[in-house]
Protein backbone atom coordinates (compact mmCIF):
# COMPACT_ATOMS: atom_id res chain seq x y z
CA UNK A 1 0.00 0.00 0.00
CA UNK A 2 1.38 3.39 -1.05
CA UNK A 3 -0.01 6.93 -1.06
CA UNK A 4 -0.38 7.93 -4.70
CA UNK A 5 -2.25 11.22 -4.59
CA UNK A 6 -3.52 13.91 -2.22
CA UNK A 7 -6.36 16.20 -3.30
CA UNK A 8 -6.92 19.52 -1.53
CA UNK A 9 -10.12 21.58 -1.59
CA UNK A 10 -10.42 24.99 0.07
CA UNK A 11 -13.79 25.94 1.56
CA UNK A 12 -14.99 28.98 3.46
CA UNK A 13 -17.90 28.28 5.79
CA UNK A 14 -20.12 31.37 6.19
CA UNK A 15 -20.89 32.60 9.67
CA UNK A 16 -23.70 34.58 11.21
CA UNK A 17 -21.77 37.73 12.05
CA UNK A 18 -23.85 38.63 15.10
CA UNK A 19 -23.18 35.21 16.61
CA UNK A 20 -19.40 35.46 16.44
CA UNK A 21 -18.38 38.63 18.25
CA UNK A 22 -19.72 42.07 19.01
CA UNK A 23 -18.49 44.90 16.75
CA UNK A 24 -16.90 46.65 19.73
CA UNK A 25 -14.32 43.84 19.82
CA UNK A 26 -13.25 44.32 16.22
CA UNK A 27 -14.23 42.92 12.83
CA UNK A 28 -15.17 39.30 12.32
CA UNK A 29 -12.46 37.50 10.32
CA UNK A 30 -13.96 34.01 10.20
CA UNK A 31 -15.56 34.60 6.81
CA UNK A 32 -12.11 35.16 5.33
CA UNK A 33 -10.47 32.12 6.90
CA UNK A 34 -10.66 28.92 4.83
CA UNK A 35 -10.68 25.30 5.88
CA UNK A 36 -8.91 22.82 3.62
CA UNK A 37 -10.38 19.37 2.99
CA UNK A 38 -7.88 16.70 1.94
CA UNK A 39 -8.36 13.31 0.34
CA UNK A 40 -5.43 10.90 0.53
CA UNK A 41 -5.57 8.12 -2.08
CA UNK A 42 -3.63 4.84 -2.14
CA UNK A 43 -2.61 2.52 -4.96
CA UNK A 44 -5.06 -0.17 -3.82
CA UNK A 45 -8.15 2.04 -3.83
CA UNK A 46 -8.41 3.30 -0.26
CA UNK A 47 -9.23 6.94 0.42
CA UNK A 48 -8.96 8.93 3.63
CA UNK A 49 -10.54 12.31 4.37
CA UNK A 50 -9.16 15.00 6.66
CA UNK A 51 -9.71 18.68 7.46
CA UNK A 52 -7.55 21.55 8.68
CA UNK A 53 -8.53 24.15 11.21
CA UNK A 54 -9.47 27.61 9.96
CA UNK A 55 -6.76 29.84 8.58
CA UNK A 56 -4.11 27.28 7.65
CA UNK A 57 -2.28 28.29 4.43
CA UNK A 58 -3.19 26.06 1.50
CA UNK A 59 0.45 26.09 0.42
CA UNK A 60 1.45 24.51 3.72
CA UNK A 61 -1.07 21.68 3.24
CA UNK A 62 0.10 21.03 -0.32
CA UNK A 63 3.75 20.97 0.69
CA UNK A 64 3.06 18.50 3.47
CA UNK A 65 0.95 16.38 1.12
CA UNK A 66 3.88 16.06 -1.27
CA UNK A 67 5.96 14.59 1.54
CA UNK A 68 3.72 11.56 2.07
CA UNK A 69 3.46 10.51 -1.59
CA UNK A 70 4.90 7.00 -1.84
CA UNK A 71 4.66 6.25 1.88
CA UNK A 72 2.78 3.27 3.31
CA UNK A 73 -0.02 4.39 5.69
CA UNK A 74 0.25 1.08 7.57
CA UNK A 75 3.78 2.00 8.62
CA UNK A 76 2.95 5.52 9.79
CA UNK A 77 1.90 5.91 13.39
CA UNK A 78 0.33 9.37 13.89
CA UNK A 79 3.24 10.50 16.05
CA UNK A 80 5.63 9.56 13.22
CA UNK A 81 3.98 11.76 10.61
CA UNK A 82 5.97 14.92 11.41
CA UNK A 83 9.22 12.98 11.03
CA UNK A 84 8.02 11.45 7.77
CA UNK A 85 7.08 14.86 6.44
CA UNK A 86 10.55 16.19 7.15
CA UNK A 87 11.60 19.73 7.92
CA UNK A 88 9.65 22.55 6.31
CA UNK A 89 9.93 26.29 6.53
CA UNK A 90 6.94 28.02 8.07
CA UNK A 91 4.43 29.25 5.51
CA UNK A 92 2.88 32.61 6.35
CA UNK A 93 -0.70 33.53 5.51
CA UNK A 94 -2.78 36.69 6.03
CA UNK A 95 -5.54 34.44 7.35
CA UNK A 96 -3.55 32.72 10.09
CA UNK A 97 -4.22 33.80 13.65
CA UNK A 98 -1.37 34.03 16.13
CA UNK A 99 -1.88 30.61 17.73
CA UNK A 100 1.50 30.34 19.45
CA UNK A 101 -0.14 28.93 22.58
CA UNK A 102 -0.97 25.79 20.57
CA UNK A 103 2.13 25.43 18.40
CA UNK A 104 4.52 25.98 21.30
CA UNK A 105 3.20 22.87 23.03
CA UNK A 106 2.49 20.78 19.96
CA UNK A 107 6.04 19.73 19.19
CA UNK A 108 7.40 19.38 15.65
CA UNK A 109 4.03 19.67 13.91
CA UNK A 110 3.34 21.90 10.94
CA UNK A 111 0.29 23.86 9.82
CA UNK A 112 -2.00 21.41 8.04
CA UNK A 113 -0.58 18.36 9.79
CA UNK A 114 -3.92 17.58 11.43
CA UNK A 115 -5.71 17.05 8.11
CA UNK A 116 -3.22 14.46 6.90
CA UNK A 117 -3.22 12.72 10.26
CA UNK A 118 -7.04 12.42 10.07
CA UNK A 119 -6.85 11.09 6.53
CA UNK A 120 -4.22 8.47 7.39
CA UNK A 121 -6.26 7.24 10.35
CA UNK A 122 -9.35 7.18 8.11
CA UNK A 123 -7.51 4.94 5.65
CA UNK A 124 -6.36 2.60 8.41
CA UNK A 125 -9.88 2.43 9.83
CA UNK A 126 -11.27 1.39 6.46
CA UNK A 127 -8.43 -1.09 5.90
CA UNK A 128 -8.88 -2.85 9.24
CA UNK A 129 -12.62 -2.16 9.61
CA UNK A 130 -12.12 -0.37 12.92
CA UNK A 131 -13.22 3.04 14.31
CA UNK A 132 -10.66 5.83 14.59
CA UNK A 133 -10.41 5.56 18.37
CA UNK A 134 -9.04 2.03 17.96
CA UNK A 135 -5.79 3.57 16.71
CA UNK A 136 -5.67 6.21 19.45
CA UNK A 137 -5.84 4.12 22.59
CA UNK A 138 -9.55 3.33 22.66
CA UNK A 139 -12.77 5.20 23.31
CA UNK A 140 -13.15 7.18 26.52
CA UNK A 141 -16.90 7.78 26.19
CA UNK A 142 -19.79 6.79 23.94
CA UNK A 143 -21.28 10.26 23.61
CA UNK A 144 -19.71 13.72 23.36
CA UNK A 145 -21.64 16.78 24.57
CA UNK A 146 -21.87 19.73 22.21
CA UNK A 147 -22.27 23.28 23.48
CA UNK A 148 -23.28 26.51 21.77
CA UNK A 149 -20.39 28.86 20.92
CA UNK A 150 -19.88 32.61 20.83
CA UNK A 151 -16.88 34.86 20.39
CA UNK A 152 -16.11 37.97 22.41
CA UNK A 153 -19.48 39.63 23.04
CA UNK A 154 -21.07 42.34 25.12
CA UNK A 155 -23.40 41.12 27.88
CA UNK A 156 -26.40 42.23 25.79
CA UNK A 157 -25.29 40.32 22.70
CA UNK A 158 -24.37 37.29 24.78
CA UNK A 159 -27.85 37.26 26.31
CA UNK A 160 -29.46 37.42 22.85
CA UNK A 161 -27.38 34.48 21.65
CA UNK A 162 -28.13 32.55 24.81
CA UNK A 163 -31.83 32.73 23.94
CA UNK A 164 -31.00 31.16 20.57
CA UNK A 165 -28.97 28.46 22.30
CA UNK A 166 -31.75 27.59 24.73
CA UNK A 167 -34.34 27.53 21.94
CA UNK A 168 -32.18 24.99 20.12
CA UNK A 169 -31.85 22.76 23.15
CA UNK A 170 -28.26 23.47 24.16
CA UNK A 171 -27.37 22.94 27.82
CA UNK A 172 -24.16 24.95 27.81
CA UNK A 173 -22.06 27.51 25.98
CA UNK A 174 -18.37 28.04 25.24
CA UNK A 175 -17.17 31.62 24.87
CA UNK A 176 -14.01 33.43 23.86
CA UNK A 177 -12.78 36.21 26.11
CA UNK A 178 -9.82 38.22 27.34
CA UNK A 179 -8.93 39.59 30.71
CA UNK A 180 -9.96 43.06 29.58
CA UNK A 181 -13.61 42.23 28.92
CA UNK A 182 -16.64 42.42 31.27
CA UNK A 183 -16.63 38.65 31.71
CA UNK A 184 -18.52 38.58 35.01
CA UNK A 185 -21.29 40.76 33.59
CA UNK A 186 -21.46 38.55 30.51
CA UNK A 187 -21.82 35.39 32.58
CA UNK A 188 -24.51 37.01 34.70
CA UNK A 189 -26.42 38.06 31.57
CA UNK A 190 -26.23 34.51 30.22
CA UNK A 191 -27.42 32.91 33.45
CA UNK A 192 -30.24 35.43 33.74
CA UNK A 193 -31.58 34.06 30.45
CA UNK A 194 -30.72 30.38 30.79
CA UNK A 195 -30.63 29.76 34.52
CA UNK A 196 -27.77 28.75 36.85
CA UNK A 197 -27.66 25.15 35.58
CA UNK A 198 -26.56 26.35 32.14
CA UNK A 199 -22.88 25.38 31.87
CA UNK A 200 -20.31 27.93 30.73
CA UNK A 201 -16.84 27.17 29.39
CA UNK A 202 -14.43 30.10 29.38
CA UNK A 203 -11.80 30.01 26.60
CA UNK A 204 -9.33 32.91 26.94
CA UNK A 205 -6.51 31.40 24.85
CA UNK A 206 -4.00 32.53 27.51
CA UNK A 207 -5.43 36.07 27.43
CA UNK A 208 -5.97 36.35 31.15
CA UNK A 209 -2.87 38.48 31.22
CA UNK A 210 -2.02 38.22 34.90
CA UNK A 211 -2.65 35.60 37.56
CA UNK A 212 -4.29 38.14 39.83
CA UNK A 213 -6.87 38.94 37.13
CA UNK A 214 -7.73 35.28 36.67
CA UNK A 215 -8.11 34.80 40.42
CA UNK A 216 -10.30 37.89 40.71
CA UNK A 217 -12.61 36.60 37.97
CA UNK A 218 -12.79 33.17 39.58
C-alpha atoms as a PDB file:
ATOM      1  CA  UNK A   1       0.000   0.000   0.000  1.00  0.00           C
ATOM      2  CA  UNK A   2       1.376   3.394  -1.045  1.00  0.00           C
ATOM      3  CA  UNK A   3      -0.012   6.929  -1.057  1.00  0.00           C
ATOM      4  CA  UNK A   4      -0.376   7.927  -4.702  1.00  0.00           C
ATOM      5  CA  UNK A   5      -2.252  11.225  -4.593  1.00  0.00           C
ATOM      6  CA  UNK A   6      -3.515  13.906  -2.223  1.00  0.00           C
ATOM      7  CA  UNK A   7      -6.356  16.196  -3.303  1.00  0.00           C
ATOM      8  CA  UNK A   8      -6.920  19.516  -1.528  1.00  0.00           C
ATOM      9  CA  UNK A   9     -10.125  21.584  -1.592  1.00  0.00           C
ATOM     10  CA  UNK A  10     -10.419  24.989   0.068  1.00  0.00           C
ATOM     11  CA  UNK A  11     -13.787  25.941   1.559  1.00  0.00           C
ATOM     12  CA  UNK A  12     -14.993  28.981   3.464  1.00  0.00           C
ATOM     13  CA  UNK A  13     -17.904  28.283   5.790  1.00  0.00           C
ATOM     14  CA  UNK A  14     -20.123  31.374   6.185  1.00  0.00           C
ATOM     15  CA  UNK A  15     -20.886  32.600   9.674  1.00  0.00           C
ATOM     16  CA  UNK A  16     -23.699  34.578  11.213  1.00  0.00           C
ATOM     17  CA  UNK A  17     -21.772  37.726  12.046  1.00  0.00           C
ATOM     18  CA  UNK A  18     -23.850  38.630  15.096  1.00  0.00           C
ATOM     19  CA  UNK A  19     -23.175  35.211  16.606  1.00  0.00           C
ATOM     20  CA  UNK A  20     -19.397  35.458  16.443  1.00  0.00           C
ATOM     21  CA  UNK A  21     -18.381  38.626  18.255  1.00  0.00           C
ATOM     22  CA  UNK A  22     -19.722  42.068  19.008  1.00  0.00           C
ATOM     23  CA  UNK A  23     -18.488  44.904  16.748  1.00  0.00           C
ATOM     24  CA  UNK A  24     -16.905  46.650  19.726  1.00  0.00           C
ATOM     25  CA  UNK A  25     -14.322  43.842  19.819  1.00  0.00           C
ATOM     26  CA  UNK A  26     -13.250  44.318  16.224  1.00  0.00           C
ATOM     27  CA  UNK A  27     -14.232  42.921  12.826  1.00  0.00           C
ATOM     28  CA  UNK A  28     -15.168  39.301  12.324  1.00  0.00           C
ATOM     29  CA  UNK A  29     -12.464  37.504  10.322  1.00  0.00           C
ATOM     30  CA  UNK A  30     -13.956  34.012  10.204  1.00  0.00           C
ATOM     31  CA  UNK A  31     -15.561  34.602   6.810  1.00  0.00           C
ATOM     32  CA  UNK A  32     -12.110  35.155   5.333  1.00  0.00           C
ATOM     33  CA  UNK A  33     -10.469  32.121   6.897  1.00  0.00           C
ATOM     34  CA  UNK A  34     -10.662  28.922   4.834  1.00  0.00           C
ATOM     35  CA  UNK A  35     -10.675  25.301   5.877  1.00  0.00           C
ATOM     36  CA  UNK A  36      -8.913  22.817   3.619  1.00  0.00           C
ATOM     37  CA  UNK A  37     -10.375  19.372   2.993  1.00  0.00           C
ATOM     38  CA  UNK A  38      -7.879  16.702   1.941  1.00  0.00           C
ATOM     39  CA  UNK A  39      -8.356  13.309   0.338  1.00  0.00           C
ATOM     40  CA  UNK A  40      -5.435  10.899   0.532  1.00  0.00           C
ATOM     41  CA  UNK A  41      -5.570   8.119  -2.075  1.00  0.00           C
ATOM     42  CA  UNK A  42      -3.632   4.837  -2.140  1.00  0.00           C
ATOM     43  CA  UNK A  43      -2.613   2.519  -4.956  1.00  0.00           C
ATOM     44  CA  UNK A  44      -5.059  -0.175  -3.816  1.00  0.00           C
ATOM     45  CA  UNK A  45      -8.148   2.039  -3.828  1.00  0.00           C
ATOM     46  CA  UNK A  46      -8.412   3.296  -0.261  1.00  0.00           C
ATOM     47  CA  UNK A  47      -9.226   6.936   0.424  1.00  0.00           C
ATOM     48  CA  UNK A  48      -8.960   8.934   3.634  1.00  0.00           C
ATOM     49  CA  UNK A  49     -10.545  12.310   4.366  1.00  0.00           C
ATOM     50  CA  UNK A  50      -9.158  15.005   6.660  1.00  0.00           C
ATOM     51  CA  UNK A  51      -9.707  18.681   7.458  1.00  0.00           C
ATOM     52  CA  UNK A  52      -7.545  21.546   8.681  1.00  0.00           C
ATOM     53  CA  UNK A  53      -8.531  24.148  11.209  1.00  0.00           C
ATOM     54  CA  UNK A  54      -9.466  27.611   9.961  1.00  0.00           C
ATOM     55  CA  UNK A  55      -6.761  29.843   8.576  1.00  0.00           C
ATOM     56  CA  UNK A  56      -4.106  27.283   7.648  1.00  0.00           C
ATOM     57  CA  UNK A  57      -2.280  28.289   4.433  1.00  0.00           C
ATOM     58  CA  UNK A  58      -3.188  26.059   1.500  1.00  0.00           C
ATOM     59  CA  UNK A  59       0.453  26.090   0.424  1.00  0.00           C
ATOM     60  CA  UNK A  60       1.445  24.505   3.724  1.00  0.00           C
ATOM     61  CA  UNK A  61      -1.068  21.679   3.237  1.00  0.00           C
ATOM     62  CA  UNK A  62       0.100  21.031  -0.319  1.00  0.00           C
ATOM     63  CA  UNK A  63       3.753  20.975   0.687  1.00  0.00           C
ATOM     64  CA  UNK A  64       3.065  18.495   3.467  1.00  0.00           C
ATOM     65  CA  UNK A  65       0.950  16.381   1.125  1.00  0.00           C
ATOM     66  CA  UNK A  66       3.875  16.064  -1.271  1.00  0.00           C
ATOM     67  CA  UNK A  67       5.957  14.593   1.543  1.00  0.00           C
ATOM     68  CA  UNK A  68       3.715  11.559   2.071  1.00  0.00           C
ATOM     69  CA  UNK A  69       3.465  10.506  -1.588  1.00  0.00           C
ATOM     70  CA  UNK A  70       4.904   7.002  -1.841  1.00  0.00           C
ATOM     71  CA  UNK A  71       4.664   6.249   1.876  1.00  0.00           C
ATOM     72  CA  UNK A  72       2.784   3.268   3.306  1.00  0.00           C
ATOM     73  CA  UNK A  73      -0.024   4.389   5.689  1.00  0.00           C
ATOM     74  CA  UNK A  74       0.251   1.084   7.568  1.00  0.00           C
ATOM     75  CA  UNK A  75       3.780   1.997   8.625  1.00  0.00           C
ATOM     76  CA  UNK A  76       2.951   5.518   9.792  1.00  0.00           C
ATOM     77  CA  UNK A  77       1.902   5.909  13.391  1.00  0.00           C
ATOM     78  CA  UNK A  78       0.333   9.366  13.889  1.00  0.00           C
ATOM     79  CA  UNK A  79       3.243  10.502  16.051  1.00  0.00           C
ATOM     80  CA  UNK A  80       5.631   9.563  13.219  1.00  0.00           C
ATOM     81  CA  UNK A  81       3.980  11.757  10.609  1.00  0.00           C
ATOM     82  CA  UNK A  82       5.972  14.921  11.406  1.00  0.00           C
ATOM     83  CA  UNK A  83       9.222  12.981  11.030  1.00  0.00           C
ATOM     84  CA  UNK A  84       8.022  11.449   7.769  1.00  0.00           C
ATOM     85  CA  UNK A  85       7.077  14.859   6.437  1.00  0.00           C
ATOM     86  CA  UNK A  86      10.550  16.186   7.146  1.00  0.00           C
ATOM     87  CA  UNK A  87      11.601  19.732   7.924  1.00  0.00           C
ATOM     88  CA  UNK A  88       9.651  22.551   6.306  1.00  0.00           C
ATOM     89  CA  UNK A  89       9.930  26.287   6.531  1.00  0.00           C
ATOM     90  CA  UNK A  90       6.942  28.023   8.070  1.00  0.00           C
ATOM     91  CA  UNK A  91       4.427  29.255   5.505  1.00  0.00           C
ATOM     92  CA  UNK A  92       2.877  32.606   6.351  1.00  0.00           C
ATOM     93  CA  UNK A  93      -0.704  33.535   5.513  1.00  0.00           C
ATOM     94  CA  UNK A  94      -2.776  36.687   6.032  1.00  0.00           C
ATOM     95  CA  UNK A  95      -5.543  34.435   7.351  1.00  0.00           C
ATOM     96  CA  UNK A  96      -3.547  32.725  10.093  1.00  0.00           C
ATOM     97  CA  UNK A  97      -4.224  33.799  13.646  1.00  0.00           C
ATOM     98  CA  UNK A  98      -1.372  34.030  16.125  1.00  0.00           C
ATOM     99  CA  UNK A  99      -1.879  30.613  17.732  1.00  0.00           C
ATOM    100  CA  UNK A 100       1.500  30.343  19.446  1.00  0.00           C
ATOM    101  CA  UNK A 101      -0.142  28.934  22.580  1.00  0.00           C
ATOM    102  CA  UNK A 102      -0.966  25.788  20.572  1.00  0.00           C
ATOM    103  CA  UNK A 103       2.127  25.433  18.402  1.00  0.00           C
ATOM    104  CA  UNK A 104       4.524  25.980  21.300  1.00  0.00           C
ATOM    105  CA  UNK A 105       3.200  22.870  23.031  1.00  0.00           C
ATOM    106  CA  UNK A 106       2.488  20.779  19.957  1.00  0.00           C
ATOM    107  CA  UNK A 107       6.038  19.730  19.187  1.00  0.00           C
ATOM    108  CA  UNK A 108       7.395  19.378  15.647  1.00  0.00           C
ATOM    109  CA  UNK A 109       4.034  19.671  13.905  1.00  0.00           C
ATOM    110  CA  UNK A 110       3.335  21.904  10.941  1.00  0.00           C
ATOM    111  CA  UNK A 111       0.291  23.864   9.816  1.00  0.00           C
ATOM    112  CA  UNK A 112      -2.000  21.410   8.044  1.00  0.00           C
ATOM    113  CA  UNK A 113      -0.582  18.361   9.794  1.00  0.00           C
ATOM    114  CA  UNK A 114      -3.917  17.580  11.428  1.00  0.00           C
ATOM    115  CA  UNK A 115      -5.714  17.050   8.107  1.00  0.00           C
ATOM    116  CA  UNK A 116      -3.215  14.463   6.897  1.00  0.00           C
ATOM    117  CA  UNK A 117      -3.223  12.722  10.261  1.00  0.00           C
ATOM    118  CA  UNK A 118      -7.036  12.422  10.071  1.00  0.00           C
ATOM    119  CA  UNK A 119      -6.847  11.086   6.529  1.00  0.00           C
ATOM    120  CA  UNK A 120      -4.216   8.466   7.386  1.00  0.00           C
ATOM    121  CA  UNK A 121      -6.260   7.237  10.352  1.00  0.00           C
ATOM    122  CA  UNK A 122      -9.352   7.181   8.115  1.00  0.00           C
ATOM    123  CA  UNK A 123      -7.511   4.941   5.648  1.00  0.00           C
ATOM    124  CA  UNK A 124      -6.364   2.598   8.407  1.00  0.00           C
ATOM    125  CA  UNK A 125      -9.878   2.431   9.826  1.00  0.00           C
ATOM    126  CA  UNK A 126     -11.267   1.386   6.458  1.00  0.00           C
ATOM    127  CA  UNK A 127      -8.434  -1.090   5.896  1.00  0.00           C
ATOM    128  CA  UNK A 128      -8.878  -2.854   9.239  1.00  0.00           C
ATOM    129  CA  UNK A 129     -12.617  -2.155   9.614  1.00  0.00           C
ATOM    130  CA  UNK A 130     -12.121  -0.368  12.925  1.00  0.00           C
ATOM    131  CA  UNK A 131     -13.216   3.040  14.313  1.00  0.00           C
ATOM    132  CA  UNK A 132     -10.661   5.835  14.586  1.00  0.00           C
ATOM    133  CA  UNK A 133     -10.413   5.565  18.372  1.00  0.00           C
ATOM    134  CA  UNK A 134      -9.043   2.026  17.958  1.00  0.00           C
ATOM    135  CA  UNK A 135      -5.792   3.575  16.705  1.00  0.00           C
ATOM    136  CA  UNK A 136      -5.666   6.206  19.446  1.00  0.00           C
ATOM    137  CA  UNK A 137      -5.838   4.123  22.590  1.00  0.00           C
ATOM    138  CA  UNK A 138      -9.546   3.328  22.658  1.00  0.00           C
ATOM    139  CA  UNK A 139     -12.772   5.203  23.305  1.00  0.00           C
ATOM    140  CA  UNK A 140     -13.150   7.184  26.521  1.00  0.00           C
ATOM    141  CA  UNK A 141     -16.902   7.776  26.195  1.00  0.00           C
ATOM    142  CA  UNK A 142     -19.793   6.791  23.936  1.00  0.00           C
ATOM    143  CA  UNK A 143     -21.283  10.263  23.614  1.00  0.00           C
ATOM    144  CA  UNK A 144     -19.714  13.718  23.357  1.00  0.00           C
ATOM    145  CA  UNK A 145     -21.644  16.779  24.575  1.00  0.00           C
ATOM    146  CA  UNK A 146     -21.867  19.735  22.207  1.00  0.00           C
ATOM    147  CA  UNK A 147     -22.266  23.285  23.480  1.00  0.00           C
ATOM    148  CA  UNK A 148     -23.279  26.505  21.767  1.00  0.00           C
ATOM    149  CA  UNK A 149     -20.388  28.861  20.924  1.00  0.00           C
ATOM    150  CA  UNK A 150     -19.878  32.610  20.835  1.00  0.00           C
ATOM    151  CA  UNK A 151     -16.877  34.862  20.391  1.00  0.00           C
ATOM    152  CA  UNK A 152     -16.112  37.974  22.408  1.00  0.00           C
ATOM    153  CA  UNK A 153     -19.479  39.633  23.044  1.00  0.00           C
ATOM    154  CA  UNK A 154     -21.068  42.336  25.124  1.00  0.00           C
ATOM    155  CA  UNK A 155     -23.401  41.117  27.883  1.00  0.00           C
ATOM    156  CA  UNK A 156     -26.400  42.234  25.795  1.00  0.00           C
ATOM    157  CA  UNK A 157     -25.294  40.322  22.698  1.00  0.00           C
ATOM    158  CA  UNK A 158     -24.366  37.286  24.776  1.00  0.00           C
ATOM    159  CA  UNK A 159     -27.855  37.261  26.309  1.00  0.00           C
ATOM    160  CA  UNK A 160     -29.458  37.422  22.854  1.00  0.00           C
ATOM    161  CA  UNK A 161     -27.381  34.480  21.649  1.00  0.00           C
ATOM    162  CA  UNK A 162     -28.130  32.551  24.815  1.00  0.00           C
ATOM    163  CA  UNK A 163     -31.828  32.731  23.937  1.00  0.00           C
ATOM    164  CA  UNK A 164     -31.002  31.158  20.569  1.00  0.00           C
ATOM    165  CA  UNK A 165     -28.967  28.457  22.295  1.00  0.00           C
ATOM    166  CA  UNK A 166     -31.747  27.588  24.732  1.00  0.00           C
ATOM    167  CA  UNK A 167     -34.342  27.527  21.943  1.00  0.00           C
ATOM    168  CA  UNK A 168     -32.177  24.988  20.118  1.00  0.00           C
ATOM    169  CA  UNK A 169     -31.854  22.758  23.151  1.00  0.00           C
ATOM    170  CA  UNK A 170     -28.263  23.470  24.163  1.00  0.00           C
ATOM    171  CA  UNK A 171     -27.369  22.937  27.817  1.00  0.00           C
ATOM    172  CA  UNK A 172     -24.163  24.950  27.813  1.00  0.00           C
ATOM    173  CA  UNK A 173     -22.057  27.512  25.982  1.00  0.00           C
ATOM    174  CA  UNK A 174     -18.375  28.041  25.238  1.00  0.00           C
ATOM    175  CA  UNK A 175     -17.174  31.618  24.866  1.00  0.00           C
ATOM    176  CA  UNK A 176     -14.008  33.425  23.861  1.00  0.00           C
ATOM    177  CA  UNK A 177     -12.780  36.207  26.108  1.00  0.00           C
ATOM    178  CA  UNK A 178      -9.819  38.218  27.337  1.00  0.00           C
ATOM    179  CA  UNK A 179      -8.926  39.589  30.712  1.00  0.00           C
ATOM    180  CA  UNK A 180      -9.961  43.063  29.582  1.00  0.00           C
ATOM    181  CA  UNK A 181     -13.615  42.229  28.921  1.00  0.00           C
ATOM    182  CA  UNK A 182     -16.636  42.415  31.270  1.00  0.00           C
ATOM    183  CA  UNK A 183     -16.626  38.647  31.712  1.00  0.00           C
ATOM    184  CA  UNK A 184     -18.516  38.576  35.008  1.00  0.00           C
ATOM    185  CA  UNK A 185     -21.294  40.765  33.590  1.00  0.00           C
ATOM    186  CA  UNK A 186     -21.456  38.555  30.507  1.00  0.00           C
ATOM    187  CA  UNK A 187     -21.817  35.388  32.584  1.00  0.00           C
ATOM    188  CA  UNK A 188     -24.513  37.011  34.704  1.00  0.00           C
ATOM    189  CA  UNK A 189     -26.416  38.058  31.570  1.00  0.00           C
ATOM    190  CA  UNK A 190     -26.231  34.511  30.216  1.00  0.00           C
ATOM    191  CA  UNK A 191     -27.422  32.909  33.448  1.00  0.00           C
ATOM    192  CA  UNK A 192     -30.245  35.428  33.743  1.00  0.00           C
ATOM    193  CA  UNK A 193     -31.577  34.063  30.453  1.00  0.00           C
ATOM    194  CA  UNK A 194     -30.718  30.376  30.789  1.00  0.00           C
ATOM    195  CA  UNK A 195     -30.628  29.761  34.520  1.00  0.00           C
ATOM    196  CA  UNK A 196     -27.773  28.749  36.853  1.00  0.00           C
ATOM    197  CA  UNK A 197     -27.660  25.151  35.582  1.00  0.00           C
ATOM    198  CA  UNK A 198     -26.562  26.346  32.136  1.00  0.00           C
ATOM    199  CA  UNK A 199     -22.880  25.382  31.870  1.00  0.00           C
ATOM    200  CA  UNK A 200     -20.311  27.926  30.729  1.00  0.00           C
ATOM    201  CA  UNK A 201     -16.844  27.167  29.386  1.00  0.00           C
ATOM    202  CA  UNK A 202     -14.426  30.100  29.375  1.00  0.00           C
ATOM    203  CA  UNK A 203     -11.803  30.008  26.604  1.00  0.00           C
ATOM    204  CA  UNK A 204      -9.333  32.912  26.939  1.00  0.00           C
ATOM    205  CA  UNK A 205      -6.508  31.397  24.850  1.00  0.00           C
ATOM    206  CA  UNK A 206      -3.995  32.527  27.513  1.00  0.00           C
ATOM    207  CA  UNK A 207      -5.432  36.066  27.434  1.00  0.00           C
ATOM    208  CA  UNK A 208      -5.966  36.350  31.151  1.00  0.00           C
ATOM    209  CA  UNK A 209      -2.870  38.477  31.216  1.00  0.00           C
ATOM    210  CA  UNK A 210      -2.019  38.217  34.902  1.00  0.00           C
ATOM    211  CA  UNK A 211      -2.651  35.599  37.562  1.00  0.00           C
ATOM    212  CA  UNK A 212      -4.294  38.142  39.830  1.00  0.00           C
ATOM    213  CA  UNK A 213      -6.873  38.941  37.130  1.00  0.00           C
ATOM    214  CA  UNK A 214      -7.728  35.277  36.666  1.00  0.00           C
ATOM    215  CA  UNK A 215      -8.113  34.801  40.418  1.00  0.00           C
ATOM    216  CA  UNK A 216     -10.301  37.889  40.709  1.00  0.00           C
ATOM    217  CA  UNK A 217     -12.609  36.599  37.969  1.00  0.00           C
ATOM    218  CA  UNK A 218     -12.790  33.171  39.584  1.00  0.00           C
END
